[in-house]
Amino acid sequence: MPARKLHLMFDEYLKEREILLNTTRADSVHDRMDRRLTEYGPDHQVLDFYHGEEGIRTWLDALPETTHQDTKTDYLRVALGHLVLDDMKYRLPDASDEELIRAAYRSFVQRGFDRSFYKEPR
């Protein structure tokens, strides 16, 4: 699993490509994604409901109604980026940080996550 620093570097990479807003602060998203890490260990990626798109959207639905939709869209993209970066670290354990970020970006775009958006539930 990549260090928090690498996740934040990936967030910046996404901001440079205008996938995330420059004002988005993603620490709370990464906190949510890693919340069950101490409970489940490395298997948290499989065992934690919030480590999948449905769980992420459920978490976003529970945020206060005052949270702007653009913010929730960015949080969704950050969380999906977190998942992709975790996956790349697993697949490419010996890759440099730069190689991981580039590989994660390619996977992120190929999966269409760069076009993901949050839509308020009805």
N, C-alpha and C. Protein backbone atom coordinates (compact mmCIF):
# COMPACT_ATOMS: atom_id res chain seq x y z
N MET A 1 0.84 -1.17 0.00
CA MET A 1 0.00 0.00 0.00
C MET A 1 0.89 1.24 0.00
N PRO A 2 0.61 2.18 -0.88
CA PRO A 2 1.42 3.40 -0.96
C PRO A 2 1.28 4.27 0.29
N ALA A 3 2.31 5.02 0.58
CA ALA A 3 2.27 5.97 1.69
C ALA A 3 1.32 7.12 1.35
N ARG A 4 0.82 7.79 2.37
CA ARG A 4 -0.09 8.93 2.19
C ARG A 4 0.54 9.95 1.25
N LYS A 5 1.84 10.16 1.40
CA LYS A 5 2.54 11.14 0.56
C LYS A 5 2.33 10.85 -0.92
N LEU A 6 2.39 9.58 -1.30
CA LEU A 6 2.21 9.22 -2.70
C LEU A 6 0.77 9.46 -3.15
N HIS A 7 -0.19 9.19 -2.28
CA HIS A 7 -1.59 9.47 -2.62
C HIS A 7 -1.78 10.97 -2.86
N LEU A 8 -1.17 11.78 -2.01
CA LEU A 8 -1.29 13.23 -2.18
C LEU A 8 -0.58 13.71 -3.44
N MET A 9 0.53 13.08 -3.79
CA MET A 9 1.21 13.39 -5.05
C MET A 9 0.30 13.06 -6.23
N PHE A 10 -0.41 11.94 -6.14
CA PHE A 10 -1.32 11.56 -7.23
C PHE A 10 -2.47 12.57 -7.33
N ASP A 11 -2.96 13.04 -6.19
CA ASP A 11 -3.99 14.08 -6.21
C ASP A 11 -3.49 15.32 -6.96
N GLU A 12 -2.26 15.72 -6.68
CA GLU A 12 -1.68 16.88 -7.36
C GLU A 12 -1.55 16.61 -8.86
N TYR A 13 -1.19 15.40 -9.22
CA TYR A 13 -1.07 15.01 -10.62
C TYR A 13 -2.44 15.16 -11.32
N LEU A 14 -3.50 14.76 -10.61
CA LEU A 14 -4.84 14.90 -11.18
C LEU A 14 -5.26 16.37 -11.27
N LYS A 15 -4.83 17.17 -10.32
CA LYS A 15 -5.13 18.61 -10.38
C LYS A 15 -4.43 19.25 -11.58
N GLU A 16 -3.18 18.86 -11.82
CA GLU A 16 -2.45 19.40 -12.96
C GLU A 16 -3.14 19.09 -14.28
N ARG A 17 -3.88 18.00 -14.33
CA ARG A 17 -4.59 17.59 -15.54
C ARG A 17 -6.05 18.02 -15.52
N GLU A 18 -6.39 18.88 -14.56
CA GLU A 18 -7.72 19.48 -14.41
C GLU A 18 -8.82 18.43 -14.22
N ILE A 19 -8.48 17.33 -13.59
CA ILE A 19 -9.46 16.31 -13.24
C ILE A 19 -10.02 16.62 -11.86
N LEU A 20 -9.20 17.23 -11.01
CA LEU A 20 -9.64 17.71 -9.71
C LEU A 20 -9.50 19.22 -9.68
N LEU A 21 -10.36 19.86 -8.89
CA LEU A 21 -10.25 21.30 -8.70
C LEU A 21 -9.00 21.60 -7.87
N ASN A 22 -8.35 22.71 -8.14
CA ASN A 22 -7.15 23.09 -7.40
C ASN A 22 -7.42 23.33 -5.93
N THR A 23 -8.66 23.64 -5.59
CA THR A 23 -9.01 23.96 -4.20
C THR A 23 -9.37 22.73 -3.37
N THR A 24 -9.46 21.58 -3.98
CA THR A 24 -9.88 20.38 -3.25
C THR A 24 -8.81 19.91 -2.28
N ARG A 25 -9.23 19.73 -1.02
CA ARG A 25 -8.35 19.20 0.02
C ARG A 25 -8.83 17.78 0.30
N ALA A 26 -7.98 16.81 0.04
CA ALA A 26 -8.41 15.42 0.02
C ALA A 26 -8.02 14.61 1.24
N ASP A 27 -7.46 15.22 2.26
CA ASP A 27 -7.02 14.46 3.43
C ASP A 27 -8.16 13.63 4.04
N SER A 28 -9.34 14.22 4.15
CA SER A 28 -10.46 13.48 4.76
C SER A 28 -10.85 12.27 3.92
N VAL A 29 -10.68 12.37 2.62
CA VAL A 29 -11.00 11.22 1.74
C VAL A 29 -10.01 10.09 2.00
N HIS A 30 -8.75 10.42 2.06
CA HIS A 30 -7.74 9.39 2.32
C HIS A 30 -7.90 8.81 3.73
N ASP A 31 -8.30 9.65 4.69
CA ASP A 31 -8.58 9.14 6.03
C ASP A 31 -9.71 8.11 5.98
N ARG A 32 -10.76 8.42 5.23
CA ARG A 32 -11.90 7.50 5.11
C ARG A 32 -11.46 6.20 4.44
N MET A 33 -10.65 6.32 3.40
CA MET A 33 -10.22 5.14 2.65
C MET A 33 -9.34 4.22 3.51
N ASP A 34 -8.60 4.79 4.43
CA ASP A 34 -7.67 4.00 5.25
C ASP A 34 -8.19 3.72 6.66
N ARG A 35 -9.43 4.09 6.92
CA ARG A 35 -9.97 3.99 8.27
C ARG A 35 -9.89 2.57 8.84
N ARG A 36 -10.19 1.59 8.05
CA ARG A 36 -10.21 0.20 8.55
C ARG A 36 -8.89 -0.52 8.39
N LEU A 37 -7.87 0.20 8.01
CA LEU A 37 -6.55 -0.41 7.79
C LEU A 37 -6.04 -1.10 9.05
N THR A 38 -6.16 -0.44 10.20
CA THR A 38 -5.65 -1.05 11.42
C THR A 38 -6.51 -2.24 11.84
N GLU A 39 -7.78 -2.22 11.54
CA GLU A 39 -8.68 -3.32 11.89
C GLU A 39 -8.47 -4.54 11.00
N TYR A 40 -8.39 -4.31 9.70
CA TYR A 40 -8.31 -5.42 8.73
C TYR A 40 -6.89 -5.70 8.23
N GLY A 41 -5.98 -4.77 8.42
CA GLY A 41 -4.64 -4.95 7.86
C GLY A 41 -4.69 -4.74 6.35
N PRO A 42 -3.73 -5.33 5.63
CA PRO A 42 -3.67 -5.13 4.18
C PRO A 42 -4.94 -5.59 3.44
N ASP A 43 -5.71 -6.48 4.06
CA ASP A 43 -6.95 -6.95 3.42
C ASP A 43 -8.07 -5.92 3.47
N HIS A 44 -7.82 -4.75 4.08
CA HIS A 44 -8.89 -3.76 4.16
C HIS A 44 -9.41 -3.37 2.79
N GLN A 45 -8.58 -3.50 1.78
CA GLN A 45 -9.01 -3.14 0.42
C GLN A 45 -10.10 -4.08 -0.08
N VAL A 46 -10.14 -5.29 0.44
CA VAL A 46 -11.14 -6.28 0.04
C VAL A 46 -12.29 -6.32 1.03
N LEU A 47 -11.99 -6.20 2.32
CA LEU A 47 -12.98 -6.40 3.37
C LEU A 47 -13.81 -5.16 3.69
N ASP A 48 -13.28 -3.98 3.45
CA ASP A 48 -13.96 -2.75 3.81
C ASP A 48 -14.94 -2.34 2.70
N PHE A 49 -16.22 -2.29 3.06
CA PHE A 49 -17.27 -1.90 2.11
C PHE A 49 -16.97 -0.55 1.46
N TYR A 50 -16.34 0.34 2.20
CA TYR A 50 -16.08 1.68 1.69
C TYR A 50 -14.87 1.73 0.77
N HIS A 51 -14.31 0.58 0.46
CA HIS A 51 -13.18 0.52 -0.47
C HIS A 51 -13.63 0.08 -1.85
N GLY A 52 -14.86 0.36 -2.19
CA GLY A 52 -15.40 0.09 -3.52
C GLY A 52 -16.28 1.26 -3.92
N GLU A 53 -16.63 1.33 -5.18
CA GLU A 53 -17.38 2.50 -5.66
C GLU A 53 -18.73 2.65 -4.96
N GLU A 54 -19.44 1.55 -4.73
CA GLU A 54 -20.73 1.64 -4.04
C GLU A 54 -20.56 2.20 -2.63
N GLY A 55 -19.56 1.71 -1.91
CA GLY A 55 -19.30 2.19 -0.56
C GLY A 55 -18.88 3.65 -0.55
N ILE A 56 -18.07 4.04 -1.51
CA ILE A 56 -17.65 5.44 -1.61
C ILE A 56 -18.86 6.34 -1.81
N ARG A 57 -19.74 5.93 -2.73
CA ARG A 57 -20.93 6.75 -2.99
C ARG A 57 -21.85 6.80 -1.77
N THR A 58 -21.95 5.70 -1.02
CA THR A 58 -22.74 5.68 0.20
C THR A 58 -22.17 6.67 1.21
N TRP A 59 -20.84 6.68 1.35
CA TRP A 59 -20.19 7.63 2.25
C TRP A 59 -20.48 9.07 1.80
N LEU A 60 -20.38 9.33 0.50
CA LEU A 60 -20.63 10.68 -0.01
C LEU A 60 -22.09 11.09 0.22
N ASP A 61 -23.01 10.14 0.06
CA ASP A 61 -24.43 10.44 0.31
C ASP A 61 -24.67 10.88 1.74
N ALA A 62 -23.86 10.39 2.66
CA ALA A 62 -24.03 10.71 4.08
C ALA A 62 -23.41 12.04 4.49
N LEU A 63 -22.64 12.66 3.61
CA LEU A 63 -22.05 13.97 3.92
C LEU A 63 -23.17 15.01 4.04
N PRO A 64 -22.93 16.07 4.77
CA PRO A 64 -23.97 17.10 4.92
C PRO A 64 -24.46 17.63 3.57
N GLU A 65 -25.74 17.94 3.54
CA GLU A 65 -26.33 18.46 2.30
C GLU A 65 -25.68 19.75 1.85
N THR A 66 -25.03 20.44 2.76
CA THR A 66 -24.38 21.71 2.42
C THR A 66 -23.08 21.49 1.64
N THR A 67 -22.60 20.25 1.58
CA THR A 67 -21.39 19.97 0.82
C THR A 67 -21.72 20.09 -0.67
N HIS A 68 -21.01 20.93 -1.37
CA HIS A 68 -21.28 21.22 -2.77
C HIS A 68 -21.07 19.98 -3.65
N GLN A 69 -21.87 19.86 -4.68
CA GLN A 69 -21.78 18.71 -5.58
C GLN A 69 -20.40 18.62 -6.25
N ASP A 70 -19.78 19.73 -6.60
CA ASP A 70 -18.44 19.70 -7.20
C ASP A 70 -17.42 19.12 -6.21
N THR A 71 -17.59 19.44 -4.93
CA THR A 71 -16.70 18.89 -3.91
C THR A 71 -16.89 17.38 -3.81
N LYS A 72 -18.14 16.94 -3.81
CA LYS A 72 -18.42 15.51 -3.73
C LYS A 72 -17.90 14.78 -4.98
N THR A 73 -17.98 15.41 -6.13
CA THR A 73 -17.43 14.81 -7.35
C THR A 73 -15.92 14.66 -7.21
N ASP A 74 -15.26 15.70 -6.70
CA ASP A 74 -13.81 15.59 -6.49
C ASP A 74 -13.49 14.52 -5.46
N TYR A 75 -14.26 14.44 -4.39
CA TYR A 75 -14.02 13.41 -3.38
C TYR A 75 -14.18 12.01 -4.00
N LEU A 76 -15.16 11.85 -4.85
CA LEU A 76 -15.34 10.57 -5.54
C LEU A 76 -14.11 10.25 -6.39
N ARG A 77 -13.63 11.22 -7.14
CA ARG A 77 -12.46 11.00 -7.99
C ARG A 77 -11.20 10.74 -7.16
N VAL A 78 -11.06 11.43 -6.04
CA VAL A 78 -9.91 11.19 -5.16
C VAL A 78 -9.97 9.76 -4.62
N ALA A 79 -11.15 9.33 -4.18
CA ALA A 79 -11.29 7.98 -3.63
C ALA A 79 -11.02 6.93 -4.69
N LEU A 80 -11.51 7.14 -5.90
CA LEU A 80 -11.24 6.19 -6.99
C LEU A 80 -9.76 6.19 -7.33
N GLY A 81 -9.13 7.37 -7.30
CA GLY A 81 -7.69 7.45 -7.53
C GLY A 81 -6.92 6.71 -6.44
N HIS A 82 -7.41 6.80 -5.21
CA HIS A 82 -6.79 6.08 -4.09
C HIS A 82 -6.81 4.57 -4.38
N LEU A 83 -7.96 4.08 -4.83
CA LEU A 83 -8.09 2.65 -5.15
C LEU A 83 -7.14 2.24 -6.27
N VAL A 84 -7.09 3.05 -7.31
CA VAL A 84 -6.24 2.73 -8.46
C VAL A 84 -4.77 2.74 -8.06
N LEU A 85 -4.37 3.72 -7.28
CA LEU A 85 -2.97 3.78 -6.86
C LEU A 85 -2.61 2.59 -5.97
N ASP A 86 -3.52 2.21 -5.08
CA ASP A 86 -3.30 1.00 -4.26
C ASP A 86 -3.11 -0.21 -5.17
N ASP A 87 -3.94 -0.32 -6.19
CA ASP A 87 -3.86 -1.45 -7.11
C ASP A 87 -2.53 -1.47 -7.87
N MET A 88 -2.10 -0.30 -8.32
CA MET A 88 -0.82 -0.23 -9.05
C MET A 88 0.35 -0.58 -8.14
N LYS A 89 0.29 -0.18 -6.87
CA LYS A 89 1.37 -0.51 -5.94
C LYS A 89 1.44 -2.03 -5.75
N TYR A 90 0.29 -2.67 -5.72
CA TYR A 90 0.23 -4.13 -5.59
C TYR A 90 0.79 -4.81 -6.84
N ARG A 91 0.42 -4.28 -8.01
CA ARG A 91 0.85 -4.89 -9.28
C ARG A 91 2.31 -4.60 -9.62
N LEU A 92 2.78 -3.42 -9.22
CA LEU A 92 4.15 -2.98 -9.56
C LEU A 92 4.91 -2.63 -8.28
N PRO A 93 5.18 -3.59 -7.41
CA PRO A 93 5.77 -3.28 -6.10
C PRO A 93 7.15 -2.64 -6.15
N ASP A 94 7.88 -2.84 -7.23
CA ASP A 94 9.23 -2.29 -7.32
C ASP A 94 9.32 -1.01 -8.14
N ALA A 95 8.18 -0.50 -8.58
CA ALA A 95 8.17 0.71 -9.42
C ALA A 95 8.51 1.94 -8.58
N SER A 96 9.11 2.93 -9.22
CA SER A 96 9.38 4.20 -8.55
C SER A 96 8.06 4.95 -8.36
N ASP A 97 8.07 5.98 -7.54
CA ASP A 97 6.87 6.79 -7.32
C ASP A 97 6.34 7.35 -8.64
N GLU A 98 7.25 7.86 -9.47
CA GLU A 98 6.84 8.44 -10.75
C GLU A 98 6.20 7.40 -11.66
N GLU A 99 6.78 6.20 -11.69
CA GLU A 99 6.22 5.13 -12.52
C GLU A 99 4.84 4.72 -12.01
N LEU A 100 4.69 4.65 -10.70
CA LEU A 100 3.39 4.30 -10.12
C LEU A 100 2.33 5.35 -10.46
N ILE A 101 2.69 6.61 -10.35
CA ILE A 101 1.74 7.68 -10.65
C ILE A 101 1.33 7.63 -12.12
N ARG A 102 2.27 7.45 -13.01
CA ARG A 102 1.94 7.39 -14.44
C ARG A 102 1.07 6.16 -14.74
N ALA A 103 1.41 5.01 -14.17
CA ALA A 103 0.62 3.79 -14.38
C ALA A 103 -0.78 3.96 -13.80
N ALA A 104 -0.88 4.55 -12.61
CA ALA A 104 -2.18 4.77 -11.99
C ALA A 104 -3.02 5.72 -12.83
N TYR A 105 -2.40 6.76 -13.36
CA TYR A 105 -3.14 7.71 -14.20
C TYR A 105 -3.70 7.03 -15.44
N ARG A 106 -2.87 6.21 -16.09
CA ARG A 106 -3.35 5.50 -17.28
C ARG A 106 -4.55 4.62 -16.93
N SER A 107 -4.45 3.89 -15.84
CA SER A 107 -5.54 3.02 -15.41
C SER A 107 -6.78 3.83 -15.03
N PHE A 108 -6.58 4.92 -14.34
CA PHE A 108 -7.67 5.81 -13.92
C PHE A 108 -8.47 6.28 -15.13
N VAL A 109 -7.77 6.73 -16.16
CA VAL A 109 -8.42 7.23 -17.37
C VAL A 109 -9.05 6.08 -18.16
N GLN A 110 -8.35 4.96 -18.28
CA GLN A 110 -8.90 3.81 -19.01
C GLN A 110 -10.21 3.32 -18.39
N ARG A 111 -10.33 3.43 -17.08
CA ARG A 111 -11.54 3.01 -16.39
C ARG A 111 -12.64 4.07 -16.45
N GLY A 112 -12.32 5.24 -16.99
CA GLY A 112 -13.30 6.31 -17.11
C GLY A 112 -13.51 7.08 -15.81
N PHE A 113 -12.63 6.89 -14.84
CA PHE A 113 -12.79 7.57 -13.57
C PHE A 113 -12.59 9.07 -13.69
N ASP A 114 -11.87 9.50 -14.70
CA ASP A 114 -11.67 10.94 -14.92
C ASP A 114 -12.97 11.64 -15.29
N ARG A 115 -13.96 10.87 -15.70
CA ARG A 115 -15.27 11.42 -16.07
C ARG A 115 -16.35 11.08 -15.04
N SER A 116 -15.97 10.44 -13.94
CA SER A 116 -16.93 10.10 -12.90
C SER A 116 -17.43 11.38 -12.24
N PHE A 117 -18.69 11.36 -11.85
CA PHE A 117 -19.21 12.50 -11.13
C PHE A 117 -20.20 12.03 -10.08
N TYR A 118 -20.41 12.86 -9.08
CA TYR A 118 -21.34 12.55 -8.02
C TYR A 118 -22.67 13.19 -8.37
N LYS A 119 -23.71 12.40 -8.25
CA LYS A 119 -25.07 12.90 -8.48
C LYS A 119 -25.85 12.68 -7.20
N GLU A 120 -26.49 13.72 -6.73
CA GLU A 120 -27.28 13.63 -5.50
C GLU A 120 -28.36 12.56 -5.63
N PRO A 121 -28.55 11.73 -4.58
CA PRO A 121 -29.61 10.72 -4.63
C PRO A 121 -30.96 11.42 -4.60
N ARG A 122 -31.94 10.77 -5.15
CA ARG A 122 -33.30 11.37 -5.16
C ARG A 122 -34.08 10.96 -3.96
